[in-house]
Amino acid sequence: MTSAVVVSSSATLLLALISTTSAFGQTSPPLRRLASPLSISGVIVDPDGRAVADVEIYLGWVSPTIARWGKGRWEIVRGDQRGRFSVRTDVPYIVFRKPGFQSQRVRSINKPRTVVTLVPASRGLPVCSADTQCSGLPRSAFCFPSVAGVRVGSSYSTDDTRARGFSLVRNRKAGFTHDCCGYSSEGLPSIGCVWQSVEYRETVYEVGGLEILDVRGRSSSGNMWHFLDRLGEYAGYLDSRAFKANDAALLDKVLDGVCIRKQAR
């Protein structure tokens, strides 16, 4: 896995809440904010040094529910047409996102000028053809291929959505859930994953007018996680102690093989 560039920081961190349950389902230090806000400004460029305009910059703030779910609300600002940005925040990480690019997670630090480089996505997500054999859900955009060793469950109803489970034949405790299409997903990773991962990789795709995030990472304990997200639809896993060393790789093969159904809205 190639992780995003992270700027190191010596900023003092302040305890934000008391919970010891992380987004990875295990005991870990609570999420933390900076002791005082920092002003961060600079420019967003591509690998050739050209300005990247109108980039969304995601800031987060901790809500009481983050203690249980790793969720929180996002504040979003934008870079200007010349790629310039300026924010003031007390969160430890901010994320720069634009469709068609790999996102950058940058750690908050006092610095005269920050240069953020967004690299174009190395691939696009394919559109499902009329004869594609894959597993989707009613109104879902995501449709997943059959992969040897992965069991595809029957779809079932939740409160406001349909869902389906995928699990490994060799280890039924290792799997992921596909859920669509109600209020189950904000189309964004949890703040817990953004703040606590030691490796973080994210790409924003645009397919048929849909913005889709492919985001994955690794916790300090070595657990892997991987999500596909759009507004109202989600598929992914949080690794756990039930996973064996190569379980995540097999689940990634399913998630990475996704095609996008254009009729979904």
Protein backbone atom coordinates (compact mmCIF):
# COMPACT_ATOMS: atom_id res chain seq x y z
CA MET A 1 0.00 0.00 0.00
CA THR A 2 1.22 3.48 -0.86
CA SER A 3 0.34 5.93 1.88
CA ALA A 4 -0.40 9.61 1.36
CA VAL A 5 2.29 12.15 2.20
CA VAL A 6 1.93 13.20 5.83
CA VAL A 7 3.64 16.30 7.20
CA SER A 8 5.16 15.63 10.63
CA SER A 9 4.11 17.75 13.58
CA SER A 10 5.31 18.55 17.07
CA ALA A 11 2.04 20.23 18.05
CA THR A 12 0.78 19.44 21.53
CA LEU A 13 -2.39 17.36 21.49
CA LEU A 14 -5.29 17.89 23.84
CA LEU A 15 -7.61 15.13 25.03
CA ALA A 16 -10.92 15.56 23.23
CA LEU A 17 -13.01 12.83 24.84
CA ILE A 18 -12.82 9.99 27.32
CA SER A 19 -13.78 6.96 25.24
CA THR A 20 -11.21 4.18 24.76
CA THR A 21 -13.07 2.38 21.98
CA SER A 22 -11.73 3.22 18.52
CA ALA A 23 -13.22 2.97 15.05
CA PHE A 24 -11.32 -0.31 14.71
CA GLY A 25 -13.40 -2.02 17.41
CA GLN A 26 -10.60 -2.30 19.96
CA THR A 27 -9.11 -0.37 22.87
CA SER A 28 -7.00 2.57 21.74
CA PRO A 29 -6.16 6.14 22.80
CA PRO A 30 -9.07 8.56 22.40
CA LEU A 31 -9.27 10.91 19.46
CA ARG A 32 -7.36 14.11 20.11
CA ARG A 33 -7.51 17.73 18.95
CA LEU A 34 -4.75 20.29 18.92
CA ALA A 35 -4.31 22.29 22.10
CA SER A 36 -4.95 25.49 20.15
CA PRO A 37 -6.01 26.27 16.56
CA LEU A 38 -3.41 26.67 13.82
CA SER A 39 -3.60 28.81 10.70
CA ILE A 40 -2.52 26.78 7.66
CA SER A 41 -2.17 28.26 4.19
CA GLY A 42 -0.47 27.41 0.95
CA VAL A 43 -1.12 26.15 -2.54
CA ILE A 44 -2.44 22.94 -4.13
CA VAL A 45 -0.60 21.75 -7.25
CA ASP A 46 -0.31 18.73 -9.54
CA PRO A 47 2.99 16.81 -9.98
CA ASP A 48 4.08 19.31 -12.68
CA GLY A 49 3.58 22.25 -10.32
CA ARG A 50 0.40 23.53 -11.98
CA ALA A 51 -2.31 24.88 -9.68
CA VAL A 52 -5.26 22.58 -8.99
CA ALA A 53 -8.40 24.69 -8.65
CA ASP A 54 -11.52 24.25 -6.53
CA VAL A 55 -10.22 21.51 -4.24
CA GLU A 56 -12.43 20.54 -1.30
CA ILE A 57 -10.66 20.73 2.07
CA TYR A 58 -12.22 18.64 4.82
CA LEU A 59 -11.99 19.63 8.47
CA GLY A 60 -13.70 17.64 11.19
CA TRP A 61 -15.04 18.30 14.63
CA VAL A 62 -15.71 15.70 17.29
CA SER A 63 -19.33 15.05 18.21
CA PRO A 64 -20.46 13.02 21.26
CA THR A 65 -21.32 10.02 19.03
CA ILE A 66 -17.68 9.66 17.97
CA ALA A 67 -16.99 7.85 21.26
CA ARG A 68 -19.15 4.98 20.05
CA TRP A 69 -19.07 5.05 16.27
CA GLY A 70 -15.96 6.99 15.24
CA LYS A 71 -18.29 9.42 13.44
CA GLY A 72 -18.25 13.17 13.41
CA ARG A 73 -19.41 16.10 11.32
CA TRP A 74 -17.24 17.66 8.65
CA GLU A 75 -16.62 21.30 7.91
CA ILE A 76 -15.72 21.79 4.24
CA VAL A 77 -13.92 24.74 2.65
CA ARG A 78 -12.47 25.11 -0.84
CA GLY A 79 -9.25 26.21 -2.43
CA ASP A 80 -9.58 29.01 -4.96
CA GLN A 81 -9.12 28.96 -8.74
CA ARG A 82 -5.36 29.48 -8.37
CA GLY A 83 -5.03 26.56 -5.95
CA ARG A 84 -4.53 28.78 -2.92
CA PHE A 85 -6.06 27.91 0.44
CA SER A 86 -6.14 29.18 3.99
CA VAL A 87 -7.77 27.45 6.96
CA ARG A 88 -7.75 27.76 10.73
CA THR A 89 -8.36 24.55 12.61
CA ASP A 90 -7.60 22.55 15.75
CA VAL A 91 -7.94 19.11 14.14
CA PRO A 92 -4.80 16.96 13.74
CA TYR A 93 -5.39 16.11 10.06
CA ILE A 94 -7.07 17.80 7.12
CA VAL A 95 -7.89 16.05 3.84
CA PHE A 96 -7.65 17.59 0.36
CA ARG A 97 -10.04 15.98 -2.15
CA LYS A 98 -10.91 16.43 -5.82
CA PRO A 99 -12.53 13.95 -8.23
CA GLY A 100 -9.99 12.31 -10.49
CA PHE A 101 -7.12 12.63 -7.99
CA GLN A 102 -5.61 10.74 -5.10
CA SER A 103 -6.53 12.67 -1.96
CA GLN A 104 -3.92 13.97 0.44
CA ARG A 105 -4.17 13.71 4.20
CA VAL A 106 -1.96 16.41 5.73
CA ARG A 107 -1.11 16.76 9.40
CA SER A 108 -1.69 20.19 10.91
CA ILE A 109 1.56 21.99 11.64
CA ASN A 110 2.84 25.55 12.01
CA LYS A 111 4.59 26.25 8.69
CA PRO A 112 5.07 29.43 6.63
CA ARG A 113 3.66 27.84 3.46
CA THR A 114 2.27 24.40 2.78
CA VAL A 115 2.45 22.87 -0.70
CA VAL A 116 -0.02 20.04 -1.25
CA THR A 117 0.52 17.88 -4.34
CA LEU A 118 -2.49 16.02 -5.73
CA VAL A 119 -1.57 13.13 -8.02
CA PRO A 120 -4.07 12.10 -10.73
CA ALA A 121 -5.81 8.77 -10.09
CA SER A 122 -3.88 5.86 -11.61
CA ARG A 123 -7.08 4.31 -12.95
CA GLY A 124 -10.80 4.88 -13.31
CA LEU A 125 -13.67 2.75 -12.07
CA PRO A 126 -15.21 0.77 -14.96
CA VAL A 127 -18.87 1.05 -15.92
CA CYS A 128 -20.72 -2.27 -15.83
CA SER A 129 -21.58 -3.58 -19.29
CA ALA A 130 -25.02 -4.97 -20.08
CA ASP A 131 -23.77 -8.57 -19.75
CA THR A 132 -21.66 -8.07 -16.61
CA GLN A 133 -22.19 -10.82 -14.05
CA CYS A 134 -21.89 -9.17 -10.66
CA SER A 135 -23.64 -8.79 -7.30
CA GLY A 136 -25.38 -5.49 -6.61
CA LEU A 137 -28.45 -4.24 -4.76
CA PRO A 138 -31.60 -2.41 -5.93
CA ARG A 139 -30.64 1.17 -6.89
CA SER A 140 -26.99 0.53 -6.01
CA ALA A 141 -24.12 1.87 -8.09
CA PHE A 142 -21.66 -0.73 -6.84
CA CYS A 143 -21.67 -4.20 -8.38
CA PHE A 144 -19.07 -6.74 -7.25
CA PRO A 145 -17.49 -9.67 -9.11
CA SER A 146 -17.46 -13.28 -8.03
CA VAL A 147 -14.08 -14.13 -6.51
CA ALA A 148 -13.00 -17.67 -5.66
CA GLY A 149 -13.02 -18.17 -1.91
CA VAL A 150 -15.57 -15.43 -1.19
CA ARG A 151 -19.16 -16.32 -0.34
CA VAL A 152 -21.89 -13.88 -1.47
CA GLY A 153 -24.82 -13.69 0.96
CA SER A 154 -28.47 -13.10 0.19
CA SER A 155 -29.72 -9.52 0.33
CA TYR A 156 -31.82 -8.45 3.31
CA SER A 157 -33.70 -5.37 4.52
CA THR A 158 -32.48 -2.97 7.19
CA ASP A 159 -34.40 0.03 8.58
CA ASP A 160 -34.26 2.04 5.35
CA THR A 161 -31.93 0.13 3.04
CA ARG A 162 -31.04 -3.20 1.48
CA ALA A 163 -27.78 -4.92 2.43
CA ARG A 164 -25.71 -7.97 1.56
CA GLY A 165 -22.76 -9.64 3.25
CA PHE A 166 -19.61 -11.04 1.63
CA SER A 167 -17.53 -13.49 3.67
CA LEU A 168 -14.53 -15.73 3.16
CA VAL A 169 -15.11 -19.46 2.78
CA ARG A 170 -11.98 -20.21 4.82
CA ASN A 171 -12.86 -17.76 7.60
CA ARG A 172 -16.51 -16.74 7.91
CA LYS A 173 -15.64 -14.07 10.49
CA ALA A 174 -13.78 -12.14 7.79
CA GLY A 175 -16.06 -10.25 5.44
CA PHE A 176 -17.63 -6.97 4.46
CA THR A 177 -21.10 -5.46 4.09
CA HIS A 178 -22.62 -3.71 1.09
CA ASP A 179 -25.44 -1.34 2.06
CA CYS A 180 -27.68 0.84 -0.15
CA CYS A 181 -29.48 3.25 -0.49
CA GLY A 182 -30.79 5.24 2.44
CA TYR A 183 -29.07 7.34 5.08
CA SER A 184 -26.48 4.75 6.07
CA SER A 185 -23.55 6.59 4.49
CA GLU A 186 -22.43 10.22 4.32
CA GLY A 187 -20.12 9.19 1.48
CA LEU A 188 -17.09 9.90 3.70
CA PRO A 189 -14.79 7.86 5.96
CA SER A 190 -15.18 8.27 9.71
CA ILE A 191 -13.06 10.85 11.47
CA GLY A 192 -11.68 7.99 13.56
CA CYS A 193 -10.17 6.37 10.46
CA VAL A 194 -8.75 9.68 9.20
CA TRP A 195 -7.20 10.70 12.52
CA GLN A 196 -5.98 7.37 13.87
CA SER A 197 -4.58 5.51 10.87
CA VAL A 198 -0.82 5.25 10.46
CA GLU A 199 -1.31 4.56 6.74
CA TYR A 200 -4.02 6.27 4.72
CA ARG A 201 -4.79 6.16 0.99
CA GLU A 202 -7.80 7.68 -0.72
CA THR A 203 -8.91 8.33 -4.29
CA VAL A 204 -12.00 10.22 -5.46
CA TYR A 205 -13.58 8.93 -8.68
CA GLU A 206 -16.32 10.50 -10.77
CA VAL A 207 -18.36 8.06 -12.84
CA GLY A 208 -21.57 9.04 -14.63
CA GLY A 209 -22.08 12.05 -12.36
CA LEU A 210 -21.46 10.04 -9.16
CA GLU A 211 -18.59 10.85 -6.80
CA ILE A 212 -17.16 7.69 -5.25
CA LEU A 213 -14.44 7.48 -2.60
CA ASP A 214 -12.09 4.51 -2.45
CA VAL A 215 -10.35 4.84 0.90
CA ARG A 216 -8.19 2.40 2.83
CA GLY A 217 -5.67 2.37 5.63
CA ARG A 218 -3.96 0.60 8.52
CA SER A 219 -4.26 1.17 12.26
CA SER A 220 -1.28 1.35 14.61
CA SER A 221 -2.00 -2.25 15.67
CA GLY A 222 -1.71 -3.45 12.06
CA ASN A 223 -5.41 -3.87 11.33
CA MET A 224 -6.46 -3.01 7.78
CA TRP A 225 -9.64 -1.26 6.65
CA HIS A 226 -11.09 -0.48 3.21
CA PHE A 227 -14.29 1.30 2.10
CA LEU A 228 -16.05 2.31 -1.07
CA ASP A 229 -18.38 5.19 -0.30
CA ARG A 230 -20.82 7.50 -2.01
CA LEU A 231 -23.74 9.42 -0.56
CA GLY A 232 -26.22 6.76 0.55
CA GLU A 233 -24.13 3.71 -0.36
CA TYR A 234 -21.30 1.92 1.37
CA ALA A 235 -19.25 -1.26 1.07
CA GLY A 236 -16.24 -2.17 3.16
CA TYR A 237 -14.67 -3.74 6.21
CA LEU A 238 -12.88 -2.91 9.42
CA ASP A 239 -10.24 -5.57 10.07
CA SER A 240 -10.40 -7.33 13.41
CA ARG A 241 -8.52 -9.97 15.36
CA ALA A 242 -10.71 -12.54 13.62
CA PHE A 243 -8.91 -11.79 10.35
CA LYS A 244 -5.92 -13.86 9.28
CA ALA A 245 -2.93 -12.26 7.60
CA ASN A 246 -4.14 -12.63 4.01
CA ASP A 247 -7.90 -12.20 4.58
CA ALA A 248 -7.90 -8.47 3.86
CA ALA A 249 -6.13 -9.05 0.53
CA LEU A 250 -8.87 -11.40 -0.67
CA LEU A 251 -11.64 -8.99 0.36
CA ASP A 252 -9.74 -6.19 -1.42
CA LYS A 253 -9.86 -8.27 -4.59
CA VAL A 254 -13.67 -8.09 -4.48
CA LEU A 255 -13.79 -4.37 -3.62
CA ASP A 256 -11.17 -3.46 -6.22
CA GLY A 257 -13.11 -5.42 -8.87
CA VAL A 258 -16.21 -3.22 -8.53
CA CYS A 259 -17.93 -1.85 -11.61
CA ILE A 260 -20.40 1.06 -11.54
CA ARG A 261 -23.98 0.78 -12.71
CA LYS A 262 -24.86 4.06 -14.46
CA GLN A 263 -28.57 3.97 -13.73
CA ALA A 264 -27.99 4.33 -9.97
CA ARG A 265 -28.90 7.69 -8.39
